[in-house]
């Protein structure tokens, strides 16, 4: 078991006490921003999209399933502990900044609206409101009490905080260097897996 920072450990313990998803609305507004965090069902709910004048969507791991034409940013990522979400922060936060400043109501969703999408909303508040990880997490959890960010993404949010909320992969801090190492390691694993799949099977048949 890997060592956890104090803040990540605290959030992991807190999440064990969070209420279950069942019974919550498909989406919730984050504070005073025209920013909505939700599950896939929110993107498929035409009445919800129209009532809240949502015209932009960040979809994490679901493809474009919106019930009406919107500007959609698609992020292909699984909700798995070893997935790297942090390299997508720059694109996601720029998209959110562009639309929320317009202002354009924007929905960030994944499948259940608990992990991937919640992590992006936390990262946005950290950067744009200059909040700590804990402060930003509290804002998001107050809006949607059932969030449950997976441990890998929480560690990456803690790393983002050490990166001074700067998502530029080529940044100069030691935390940025740590991210580059993580990305290189993941790329090596993926390349090795691809090579294993590509190796032809030896035939046991003889002429």
Foldseek 3Di string as FASTA:
>chain_A
DDDDDPVLVVVQVVLVPFDALPPDPQWFDQPPFLEIFGAPVCQQDPVNCVVSQAAEEEEECPPRNHNDHHHYHYHNWDLDLLTDPLLCLVVLLVVCVVDRVVPHRYYYYYHGRAANSLLSQLLNCCQPVVDQSVVSNVSSCVGPVNHDHDSNSSVVSNLCVVVVSDSPLPDDDVSSVVVVVSVVVVVVVVVVVVVVVPDDDDDPDDD
